[in-house]
PDB file of N, CA and C in Angstrom:
ATOM      1  N   LEU A   1      19.825   7.346  -2.438  1.00  0.00           N
ATOM      2  CA  LEU A   1      19.338   8.776  -2.823  1.00  0.00           C
ATOM      3  C   LEU A   1      18.619   8.780  -1.397  1.00  0.00           C
ATOM      4  N   LEU A   2      17.674   8.018  -1.278  1.00  0.00           N
ATOM      5  CA  LEU A   2      16.312   8.135  -0.073  1.00  0.00           C
ATOM      6  C   LEU A   2      17.163   8.648   0.912  1.00  0.00           C
ATOM      7  N   LYS A   3      18.284   8.072   1.357  1.00  0.00           N
ATOM      8  CA  LYS A   3      19.141   8.432   2.895  1.00  0.00           C
ATOM      9  C   LYS A   3      19.648   9.710   2.661  1.00  0.00           C
ATOM     10  N   LYS A   4      20.113  10.090   1.343  1.00  0.00           N
ATOM     11  CA  LYS A   4      20.734  11.467   1.143  1.00  0.00           C
ATOM     12  C   LYS A   4      19.527  12.689   1.543  1.00  0.00           C
ATOM     13  N   LYS A   5      18.306  12.434   0.998  1.00  0.00           N
ATOM     14  CA  LYS A   5      17.268  13.439   1.438  1.00  0.00           C
ATOM     15  C   LYS A   5      16.737  13.857   2.614  1.00  0.00           C
ATOM     16  N   ARG A   6      16.865  15.212   3.066  1.00  0.00           N
ATOM     17  CA  ARG A   6      16.299  15.460   4.695  1.00  0.00           C
ATOM     18  C   ARG A   6      14.818  15.138   4.439  1.00  0.00           C
ATOM     19  N   GLY A   7      14.170  14.773   5.850  1.00  0.00           N
ATOM     20  CA  GLY A   7      12.932  14.130   5.684  1.00  0.00           C
ATOM     21  C   GLY A   7      12.444  13.142   6.366  1.00  0.00           C
ATOM     22  N   LYS A   8      11.521  13.251   7.282  1.00  0.00           N
ATOM     23  CA  LYS A   8      11.618  11.803   8.403  1.00  0.00           C
ATOM     24  C   LYS A   8      10.460  10.833   7.432  1.00  0.00           C
ATOM     25  N   LYS A   9       9.726  10.930   6.739  1.00  0.00           N
ATOM     26  CA  LYS A   9       8.864   9.587   5.942  1.00  0.00           C
ATOM     27  C   LYS A   9       8.582  10.135   4.668  1.00  0.00           C
ATOM     28  N   ARG A  10       8.614   8.826   4.087  1.00  0.00           N
ATOM     29  CA  ARG A  10       8.695   8.410   2.633  1.00  0.00           C
ATOM     30  C   ARG A  10       7.571   7.417   2.892  1.00  0.00           C
ATOM     31  N   LEU A  11       6.531   8.156   1.287  1.00  0.00           N
ATOM     32  CA  LEU A  11       5.221   7.743   1.229  1.00  0.00           C
ATOM     33  C   LEU A  11       5.361   7.091  -0.211  1.00  0.00           C
ATOM     34  N   PHE A  12       5.135   6.295  -1.150  1.00  0.00           N
ATOM     35  CA  PHE A  12       5.069   6.272  -2.196  1.00  0.00           C
ATOM     36  C   PHE A  12       3.790   4.898  -2.344  1.00  0.00           C
ATOM     37  N   PHE A  13       3.107   5.720  -3.337  1.00  0.00           N
ATOM     38  CA  PHE A  13       1.956   5.002  -4.271  1.00  0.00           C
ATOM     39  C   PHE A  13       2.112   4.863  -5.579  1.00  0.00           C
ATOM     40  N   ILE A  14       1.846   3.369  -5.609  1.00  0.00           N
ATOM     41  CA  ILE A  14       2.402   2.912  -7.051  1.00  0.00           C
ATOM     42  C   ILE A  14       0.741   1.941  -7.950  1.00  0.00           C
ATOM     43  N   GLY A  15       0.702   2.366  -8.945  1.00  0.00           N
ATOM     44  CA  GLY A  15      -0.695   1.695  -9.690  1.00  0.00           C
ATOM     45  C   GLY A  15      -0.028   0.837 -10.648  1.00  0.00           C
ATOM     46  N   ASP A  16      -0.932   0.127 -11.293  1.00  0.00           N
ATOM     47  CA  ASP A  16      -0.898  -0.681 -12.475  1.00  0.00           C
ATOM     48  C   ASP A  16       0.120  -1.862 -11.709  1.00  0.00           C
ATOM     49  N   ARG A  17      -0.527  -2.370 -10.942  1.00  0.00           N
ATOM     50  CA  ARG A  17      -0.031  -3.848 -10.511  1.00  0.00           C
ATOM     51  C   ARG A  17      -1.108  -4.885 -10.284  1.00  0.00           C
ATOM     52  N   HIS A  18      -1.994  -4.470 -10.669  1.00  0.00           N
ATOM     53  CA  HIS A  18      -3.447  -5.474 -11.018  1.00  0.00           C
ATOM     54  C   HIS A  18      -3.876  -5.977  -9.589  1.00  0.00           C
ATOM     55  N   SER A  19      -2.786  -5.704  -8.317  1.00  0.00           N
ATOM     56  CA  SER A  19      -3.318  -6.165  -6.635  1.00  0.00           C
ATOM     57  C   SER A  19      -3.137  -5.233  -5.816  1.00  0.00           C
ATOM     58  N   GLY A  20      -3.417  -5.126  -4.750  1.00  0.00           N
ATOM     59  CA  GLY A  20      -3.466  -4.253  -3.812  1.00  0.00           C
ATOM     60  C   GLY A  20      -2.730  -4.759  -2.650  1.00  0.00           C
ATOM     61  N   ALA A  21      -1.618  -3.955  -2.355  1.00  0.00           N
ATOM     62  CA  ALA A  21      -0.812  -4.484  -0.917  1.00  0.00           C
ATOM     63  C   ALA A  21      -0.132  -3.306   0.240  1.00  0.00           C
ATOM     64  N   ILE A  22       0.106  -3.001   1.197  1.00  0.00           N
ATOM     65  CA  ILE A  22       0.744  -2.305   1.740  1.00  0.00           C
ATOM     66  C   ILE A  22       2.205  -2.935   2.212  1.00  0.00           C
ATOM     67  N   TYR A  23       3.242  -2.427   1.780  1.00  0.00           N
ATOM     68  CA  TYR A  23       4.371  -2.650   2.433  1.00  0.00           C
ATOM     69  C   TYR A  23       5.386  -1.277   3.409  1.00  0.00           C
ATOM     70  N   ASN A  24       5.823  -2.131   4.119  1.00  0.00           N
ATOM     71  CA  ASN A  24       6.979  -1.175   5.144  1.00  0.00           C
ATOM     72  C   ASN A  24       8.350  -1.702   5.167  1.00  0.00           C
ATOM     73  N   ARG A  25       9.688  -0.753   4.973  1.00  0.00           N
ATOM     74  CA  ARG A  25      10.862  -1.290   5.191  1.00  0.00           C
ATOM     75  C   ARG A  25      11.478  -0.050   6.121  1.00  0.00           C
ATOM     76  N   THR A  26      12.574  -0.959   6.841  1.00  0.00           N
ATOM     77  CA  THR A  26      13.368  -0.006   7.613  1.00  0.00           C
ATOM     78  C   THR A  26      14.586  -0.323   7.422  1.00  0.00           C
ATOM     79  N   ASP A  27      14.719  -1.259   6.505  1.00  0.00           N
ATOM     80  CA  ASP A  27      16.353  -0.646   6.392  1.00  0.00           C
ATOM     81  C   ASP A  27      16.628   0.022   5.226  1.00  0.00           C
ATOM     82  N   VAL A  28      16.163   0.806   4.955  1.00  0.00           N
ATOM     83  CA  VAL A  28      16.261   1.792   3.538  1.00  0.00           C
ATOM     84  C   VAL A  28      16.670   3.290   3.741  1.00  0.00           C
ATOM     85  N   MET A  29      16.114   3.459   4.832  1.00  0.00           N
ATOM     86  CA  MET A  29      16.637   4.705   5.568  1.00  0.00           C
ATOM     87  C   MET A  29      16.376   5.107   6.980  1.00  0.00           C
ATOM     88  N   SER A  30      16.577   5.963   7.795  1.00  0.00           N
ATOM     89  CA  SER A  30      16.736   5.965   9.358  1.00  0.00           C
ATOM     90  C   SER A  30      15.027   5.812   9.987  1.00  0.00           C
ATOM     91  N   ASN A  31      13.843   5.764   8.724  1.00  0.00           N
ATOM     92  CA  ASN A  31      12.633   5.943   9.386  1.00  0.00           C
ATOM     93  C   ASN A  31      11.798   4.794   8.339  1.00  0.00           C
ATOM     94  N   THR A  32      10.682   4.799   8.912  1.00  0.00           N
ATOM     95  CA  THR A  32      10.080   3.591   7.846  1.00  0.00           C
ATOM     96  C   THR A  32       9.770   4.122   6.501  1.00  0.00           C
ATOM     97  N   LEU A  33       9.492   3.193   5.444  1.00  0.00           N
ATOM     98  CA  LEU A  33       9.570   4.099   3.637  1.00  0.00           C
ATOM     99  C   LEU A  33       8.103   3.053   3.698  1.00  0.00           C
ATOM    100  N   TRP A  34       7.118   3.531   3.245  1.00  0.00           N
ATOM    101  CA  TRP A  34       5.636   3.033   2.722  1.00  0.00           C
ATOM    102  C   TRP A  34       5.639   3.263   1.727  1.00  0.00           C
ATOM    103  N   GLU A  35       4.970   1.897   1.122  1.00  0.00           N
ATOM    104  CA  GLU A  35       4.670   1.759  -0.044  1.00  0.00           C
ATOM    105  C   GLU A  35       2.995   1.155  -0.065  1.00  0.00           C
ATOM    106  N   VAL A  36       2.202   1.308  -1.239  1.00  0.00           N
ATOM    107  CA  VAL A  36       0.930   1.128  -1.209  1.00  0.00           C
ATOM    108  C   VAL A  36       1.053   0.998  -2.791  1.00  0.00           C
ATOM    109  N   THR A  37       0.561  -0.487  -3.181  1.00  0.00           N
ATOM    110  CA  THR A  37       0.465  -0.612  -4.521  1.00  0.00           C
ATOM    111  C   THR A  37      -1.423  -0.836  -4.836  1.00  0.00           C
ATOM    112  N   SER A  38      -1.948  -0.260  -5.716  1.00  0.00           N
ATOM    113  CA  SER A  38      -2.927  -0.358  -6.057  1.00  0.00           C
ATOM    114  C   SER A  38      -3.421  -0.080  -7.178  1.00  0.00           C
ATOM    115  N   SER A  39      -4.744  -1.105  -7.818  1.00  0.00           N
ATOM    116  CA  SER A  39      -5.646  -1.205  -9.137  1.00  0.00           C
ATOM    117  C   SER A  39      -5.426  -2.733  -9.412  1.00  0.00           C
ATOM    118  N   SER A  40      -6.696  -2.879  -9.737  1.00  0.00           N
ATOM    119  CA  SER A  40      -6.960  -2.081 -10.875  1.00  0.00           C
ATOM    120  C   SER A  40      -8.611  -2.397 -10.923  1.00  0.00           C
ATOM    121  N   LEU A  41      -9.467  -1.383 -11.163  1.00  0.00           N
ATOM    122  CA  LEU A  41     -10.715  -1.786 -11.356  1.00  0.00           C
ATOM    123  C   LEU A  41     -11.554  -2.779 -12.297  1.00  0.00           C
ATOM    124  N   ASN A  42     -10.940  -2.346 -13.576  1.00  0.00           N
ATOM    125  CA  ASN A  42     -11.171  -3.184 -14.897  1.00  0.00           C
ATOM    126  C   ASN A  42     -10.451  -4.533 -14.880  1.00  0.00           C
ATOM    127  N   LYS A  43      -9.104  -4.585 -14.500  1.00  0.00           N
ATOM    128  CA  LYS A  43      -8.595  -6.007 -14.978  1.00  0.00           C
ATOM    129  C   LYS A  43      -7.606  -6.314 -13.761  1.00  0.00           C
ATOM    130  N   PRO A  44      -8.366  -6.872 -12.553  1.00  0.00           N
ATOM    131  CA  PRO A  44      -7.769  -7.280 -11.315  1.00  0.00           C
ATOM    132  C   PRO A  44      -6.784  -8.378 -11.687  1.00  0.00           C
ATOM    133  N   LEU A  45      -6.122  -8.588 -10.670  1.00  0.00           N
ATOM    134  CA  LEU A  45      -5.023  -9.784 -11.364  1.00  0.00           C
ATOM    135  C   LEU A  45      -5.574 -10.973 -11.172  1.00  0.00           C
ATOM    136  N   GLY A  46      -6.234 -11.526 -10.030  1.00  0.00           N
ATOM    137  CA  GLY A  46      -7.105 -12.580 -10.044  1.00  0.00           C
ATOM    138  C   GLY A  46      -7.956 -12.780 -11.017  1.00  0.00           C
ATOM    139  N   SER A  47      -8.376 -12.034 -12.202  1.00  0.00           N
ATOM    140  CA  SER A  47      -9.106 -12.223 -12.946  1.00  0.00           C
ATOM    141  C   SER A  47      -8.146 -12.708 -14.245  1.00  0.00           C
ATOM    142  N   LEU A  48      -6.906 -12.465 -14.434  1.00  0.00           N
ATOM    143  CA  LEU A  48      -5.515 -12.834 -14.967  1.00  0.00           C
ATOM    144  C   LEU A  48      -5.129 -13.700 -14.943  1.00  0.00           C
ATOM    145  N   ILE A  49      -5.127 -14.082 -13.765  1.00  0.00           N
ATOM    146  CA  ILE A  49      -4.293 -15.736 -13.255  1.00  0.00           C
ATOM    147  C   ILE A  49      -4.947 -15.822 -12.246  1.00  0.00           C
ATOM    148  N   PRO A  50      -6.043 -16.909 -12.737  1.00  0.00           N
ATOM    149  CA  PRO A  50      -7.127 -17.322 -11.782  1.00  0.00           C
ATOM    150  C   PRO A  50      -6.894 -18.093 -10.551  1.00  0.00           C
ATOM    151  N   LEU A  51      -5.307 -18.945 -10.977  1.00  0.00           N
ATOM    152  CA  LEU A  51      -5.042 -19.812  -9.728  1.00  0.00           C
ATOM    153  C   LEU A  51      -4.060 -19.265  -9.043  1.00  0.00           C
ATOM    154  N   LEU A  52      -3.795 -17.853  -9.120  1.00  0.00           N
ATOM    155  CA  LEU A  52      -2.842 -17.381  -8.142  1.00  0.00           C
ATOM    156  C   LEU A  52      -3.229 -17.227  -6.747  1.00  0.00           C
ATOM    157  N   LYS A  53      -2.024 -17.681  -5.926  1.00  0.00           N
ATOM    158  CA  LYS A  53      -2.551 -18.362  -4.713  1.00  0.00           C
ATOM    159  C   LYS A  53      -1.750 -17.325  -3.385  1.00  0.00           C
ATOM    160  N   HIS A  54      -0.401 -17.172  -3.987  1.00  0.00           N
ATOM    161  CA  HIS A  54       0.405 -16.231  -3.129  1.00  0.00           C
ATOM    162  C   HIS A  54       1.437 -15.269  -3.710  1.00  0.00           C
ATOM    163  N   GLU A  55       1.817 -14.183  -3.987  1.00  0.00           N
ATOM    164  CA  GLU A  55       2.984 -13.480  -4.495  1.00  0.00           C
ATOM    165  C   GLU A  55       3.836 -13.300  -3.339  1.00  0.00           C
ATOM    166  N   PRO A  56       5.200 -13.820  -3.252  1.00  0.00           N
ATOM    167  CA  PRO A  56       5.896 -13.451  -2.507  1.00  0.00           C
ATOM    168  C   PRO A  56       6.228 -11.641  -2.497  1.00  0.00           C
ATOM    169  N   GLY A  57       6.199 -11.661  -0.929  1.00  0.00           N
ATOM    170  CA  GLY A  57       6.553  -9.969  -0.542  1.00  0.00           C
ATOM    171  C   GLY A  57       7.323  -9.628   0.856  1.00  0.00           C
ATOM    172  N   PRO A  58       8.724  -9.727   1.402  1.00  0.00           N
ATOM    173  CA  PRO A  58       9.044  -9.766   2.482  1.00  0.00           C
ATOM    174  C   PRO A  58       8.776  -8.609   3.280  1.00  0.00           C
ATOM    175  N   PHE A  59       8.310  -7.541   2.912  1.00  0.00           N
ATOM    176  CA  PHE A  59       8.101  -6.365   3.411  1.00  0.00           C
ATOM    177  C   PHE A  59       6.548  -6.000   3.236  1.00  0.00           C
ATOM    178  N   ARG A  60       5.813  -6.980   2.724  1.00  0.00           N
ATOM    179  CA  ARG A  60       4.257  -6.703   2.484  1.00  0.00           C
ATOM    180  C   ARG A  60       3.739  -6.820   4.092  1.00  0.00           C
ATOM    181  N   LEU A  61       2.622  -5.855   3.980  1.00  0.00           N
ATOM    182  CA  LEU A  61       2.129  -6.004   5.531  1.00  0.00           C
ATOM    183  C   LEU A  61       0.515  -6.972   5.185  1.00  0.00           C
ATOM    184  N   GLY A  62       0.527  -7.926   6.028  1.00  0.00           N
ATOM    185  CA  GLY A  62      -0.075  -9.182   5.377  1.00  0.00           C
ATOM    186  C   GLY A  62      -0.395  -9.360   4.005  1.00  0.00           C
ATOM    187  N   ALA A  63      -1.609  -9.954   3.662  1.00  0.00           N
ATOM    188  CA  ALA A  63      -1.719 -10.861   1.973  1.00  0.00           C
ATOM    189  C   ALA A  63      -1.912  -9.212   1.206  1.00  0.00           C
ATOM    190  N   SER A  64      -1.845 -10.015  -0.200  1.00  0.00           N
ATOM    191  CA  SER A  64      -1.978  -9.235  -1.168  1.00  0.00           C
ATOM    192  C   SER A  64      -3.362  -9.284  -1.428  1.00  0.00           C
ATOM    193  N   TYR A  65      -3.975  -8.358  -1.654  1.00  0.00           N
ATOM    194  CA  TYR A  65      -5.412  -8.459  -2.478  1.00  0.00           C
ATOM    195  C   TYR A  65      -5.667  -8.463  -3.695  1.00  0.00           C
ATOM    196  N   TYR A  66      -6.005  -9.665  -4.455  1.00  0.00           N
ATOM    197  CA  TYR A  66      -5.784  -9.651  -5.773  1.00  0.00           C
ATOM    198  C   TYR A  66      -7.490  -9.667  -6.787  1.00  0.00           C
ATOM    199  N   GLY A  67      -8.694  -8.834  -6.087  1.00  0.00           N
ATOM    200  CA  GLY A  67      -9.701  -8.391  -6.343  1.00  0.00           C
ATOM    201  C   GLY A  67      -9.601  -7.025  -6.929  1.00  0.00           C
ATOM    202  N   ALA A  68     -10.811  -6.201  -7.490  1.00  0.00           N
ATOM    203  CA  ALA A  68     -10.451  -5.264  -8.081  1.00  0.00           C
ATOM    204  C   ALA A  68     -10.454  -4.025  -6.755  1.00  0.00           C
ATOM    205  N   ASN A  69      -9.739  -3.155  -6.947  1.00  0.00           N
ATOM    206  CA  ASN A  69      -9.404  -2.360  -6.020  1.00  0.00           C
ATOM    207  C   ASN A  69      -8.920  -1.066  -6.184  1.00  0.00           C
ATOM    208  N   PHE A  70      -9.112  -0.378  -5.237  1.00  0.00           N
ATOM    209  CA  PHE A  70      -8.068   1.175  -5.153  1.00  0.00           C
ATOM    210  C   PHE A  70      -7.608   1.343  -3.882  1.00  0.00           C
ATOM    211  N   GLY A  71      -6.822   2.457  -4.056  1.00  0.00           N
ATOM    212  CA  GLY A  71      -6.133   2.673  -2.831  1.00  0.00           C
ATOM    213  C   GLY A  71      -6.560   4.417  -2.621  1.00  0.00           C
ATOM    214  N   LEU A  72      -6.297   4.756  -0.976  1.00  0.00           N
ATOM    215  CA  LEU A  72      -7.109   5.919  -0.932  1.00  0.00           C
ATOM    216  C   LEU A  72      -5.615   6.279   0.623  1.00  0.00           C
ATOM    217  N   ILE A  73      -5.513   7.559   0.385  1.00  0.00           N
ATOM    218  CA  ILE A  73      -4.879   8.233   1.634  1.00  0.00           C
ATOM    219  C   ILE A  73      -5.862   9.257   2.366  1.00  0.00           C
ATOM    220  N   GLN A  74      -5.500   8.985   3.659  1.00  0.00           N
ATOM    221  CA  GLN A  74      -6.763   9.715   4.342  1.00  0.00           C
ATOM    222  C   GLN A  74      -5.631  10.680   5.596  1.00  0.00           C
ATOM    223  N   ILE A  75      -5.501  12.045   5.418  1.00  0.00           N
ATOM    224  CA  ILE A  75      -4.548  12.881   6.466  1.00  0.00           C
ATOM    225  C   ILE A  75      -5.635  13.516   7.642  1.00  0.00           C
ATOM    226  N   ASP A  76      -5.129  13.048   8.609  1.00  0.00           N
ATOM    227  CA  ASP A  76      -5.580  13.878   9.719  1.00  0.00           C
ATOM    228  C   ASP A  76      -4.992  14.095  10.489  1.00  0.00           C
ATOM    229  N   TRP A  77      -4.928  15.561  10.474  1.00  0.00           N
ATOM    230  CA  TRP A  77      -4.118  16.952  10.488  1.00  0.00           C
ATOM    231  C   TRP A  77      -4.302  16.789  11.999  1.00  0.00           C
ATOM    232  N   PRO A  78      -5.450  16.911  12.620  1.00  0.00           N
ATOM    233  CA  PRO A  78      -5.138  17.118  13.983  1.00  0.00           C
ATOM    234  C   PRO A  78      -4.429  15.976  15.033  1.00  0.00           C
ATOM    235  N   ASN A  79      -4.688  14.809  14.453  1.00  0.00           N
ATOM    236  CA  ASN A  79      -4.122  13.479  15.253  1.00  0.00           C
ATOM    237  C   ASN A  79      -2.741  13.638  14.555  1.00  0.00           C
ATOM    238  N   GLN A  80      -2.423  14.238  13.745  1.00  0.00           N
ATOM    239  CA  GLN A  80      -0.965  13.892  12.941  1.00  0.00           C
ATOM    240  C   GLN A  80      -0.657  12.354  12.542  1.00  0.00           C
ATOM    241  N   GLN A  81      -1.936  11.636  11.828  1.00  0.00           N
ATOM    242  CA  GLN A  81      -1.677  10.139  11.330  1.00  0.00           C
ATOM    243  C   GLN A  81      -2.355  10.439   9.745  1.00  0.00           C
ATOM    244  N   ILE A  82      -1.496   9.906   8.953  1.00  0.00           N
ATOM    245  CA  ILE A  82      -2.170   9.286   7.791  1.00  0.00           C
ATOM    246  C   ILE A  82      -2.718   7.587   7.863  1.00  0.00           C
ATOM    247  N   THR A  83      -3.802   7.771   7.240  1.00  0.00           N
ATOM    248  CA  THR A  83      -4.087   6.068   7.144  1.00  0.00           C
ATOM    249  C   THR A  83      -3.980   5.916   5.411  1.00  0.00           C
ATOM    250  N   LEU A  84      -3.470   4.787   5.390  1.00  0.00           N
ATOM    251  CA  LEU A  84      -3.297   4.250   3.981  1.00  0.00           C
ATOM    252  C   LEU A  84      -4.255   2.860   4.067  1.00  0.00           C
ATOM    253  N   SER A  85      -4.843   2.919   2.407  1.00  0.00           N
ATOM    254  CA  SER A  85      -5.922   1.475   2.789  1.00  0.00           C
ATOM    255  C   SER A  85      -6.198   1.101   0.940  1.00  0.00           C
ATOM    256  N   ILE A  86      -6.270   0.047   1.175  1.00  0.00           N
ATOM    257  CA  ILE A  86      -6.924  -0.099  -0.411  1.00  0.00           C
ATOM    258  C   ILE A  86      -8.197  -0.790   0.255  1.00  0.00           C
ATOM    259  N   HIS A  87      -8.864  -0.623  -0.892  1.00  0.00           N
ATOM    260  CA  HIS A  87     -10.500  -0.603  -0.789  1.00  0.00           C
ATOM    261  C   HIS A  87     -11.061  -1.380  -2.153  1.00  0.00           C
ATOM    262  N   ASN A  88     -11.984  -2.253  -1.989  1.00  0.00           N
ATOM    263  CA  ASN A  88     -12.596  -3.411  -3.032  1.00  0.00           C
ATOM    264  C   ASN A  88     -13.643  -2.590  -3.912  1.00  0.00           C
ATOM    265  N   GLN A  89     -13.905  -2.944  -4.913  1.00  0.00           N
ATOM    266  CA  GLN A  89     -15.059  -2.296  -5.719  1.00  0.00           C
ATOM    267  C   GLN A  89     -16.133  -1.801  -5.252  1.00  0.00           C
ATOM    268  N   LYS A  90     -16.966  -2.497  -4.094  1.00  0.00           N
ATOM    269  CA  LYS A  90     -17.385  -1.906  -3.840  1.00  0.00           C
ATOM    270  C   LYS A  90     -17.243  -0.626  -2.501  1.00  0.00           C
ATOM    271  N   GLY A  91     -16.146  -0.162  -2.474  1.00  0.00           N
ATOM    272  CA  GLY A  91     -15.714   0.807  -1.645  1.00  0.00           C
ATOM    273  C   GLY A  91     -15.272   0.398  -0.151  1.00  0.00           C
ATOM    274  N   LYS A  92     -15.409  -0.965   0.400  1.00  0.00           N
ATOM    275  CA  LYS A  92     -14.675  -1.601   1.294  1.00  0.00           C
ATOM    276  C   LYS A  92     -13.396  -1.591   1.568  1.00  0.00           C
ATOM    277  N   PRO A  93     -13.175  -1.249   2.951  1.00  0.00           N
ATOM    278  CA  PRO A  93     -11.651  -1.176   2.995  1.00  0.00           C
ATOM    279  C   PRO A  93     -11.334  -2.623   3.123  1.00  0.00           C
ATOM    280  N   VAL A  94     -10.403  -3.228   2.362  1.00  0.00           N
ATOM    281  CA  VAL A  94      -9.513  -4.775   2.968  1.00  0.00           C
ATOM    282  C   VAL A  94      -8.522  -4.750   2.957  1.00  0.00           C
ATOM    283  N   ARG A  95      -7.531  -3.839   3.269  1.00  0.00           N
ATOM    284  CA  ARG A  95      -6.153  -3.499   3.974  1.00  0.00           C
ATOM    285  C   ARG A  95      -6.363  -2.160   4.306  1.00  0.00           C
ATOM    286  N   ARG A  96      -5.369  -1.786   5.756  1.00  0.00           N
ATOM    287  CA  ARG A  96      -5.451  -0.934   6.280  1.00  0.00           C
ATOM    288  C   ARG A  96      -4.233  -0.930   6.978  1.00  0.00           C
ATOM    289  N   ALA A  97      -3.660   0.638   6.817  1.00  0.00           N
ATOM    290  CA  ALA A  97      -2.135   0.466   8.040  1.00  0.00           C
ATOM    291  C   ALA A  97      -2.418   2.354   8.166  1.00  0.00           C
ATOM    292  N   ALA A  98      -1.679   2.450   9.892  1.00  0.00           N
ATOM    293  CA  ALA A  98      -1.746   4.071  10.266  1.00  0.00           C
ATOM    294  C   ALA A  98      -0.197   4.162  10.315  1.00  0.00           C
ATOM    295  N   VAL A  99       0.158   5.522   9.943  1.00  0.00           N
ATOM    296  CA  VAL A  99       1.212   6.150  10.120  1.00  0.00           C
ATOM    297  C   VAL A  99       0.984   7.226  10.613  1.00  0.00           C
ATOM    298  N   LYS A 100       1.985   7.395  11.944  1.00  0.00           N
ATOM    299  CA  LYS A 100       2.048   8.493  12.301  1.00  0.00           C
ATOM    300  C   LYS A 100       2.897   9.661  11.745  1.00  0.00           C
ATOM    301  N   LEU A 101       2.585  10.625  11.691  1.00  0.00           N
ATOM    302  CA  LEU A 101       3.419  11.961  11.306  1.00  0.00           C
ATOM    303  C   LEU A 101       4.641  12.210  11.956  1.00  0.00           C
ATOM    304  N   ARG A 102       4.411  12.143  13.866  1.00  0.00           N
ATOM    305  CA  ARG A 102       5.465  12.836  14.404  1.00  0.00           C
ATOM    306  C   ARG A 102       6.034  11.757  15.194  1.00  0.00           C
TER     307      ARG A 102
END
């Protein structure tokens, strides 16, 4: 379905994972497909599974973040760039990726 649709960029924001991570894939369509997972401020995965060390993710950029978190999309129209980020419960960015719009 994604290959049939016109457009150059695809971005998915997914919640209810109880962890945060940024993924990208280049094998699904002609341009990179971006995915950001984020949540949860009330029940982070690290509190549910205290011994969790690593979750497999071949398309993930860096490690997952298991503390309380939220995701943010910032659009910089003049520079044609989107910043995807995951922030801890104090608002500090813990994962970040920049995506050029053109």
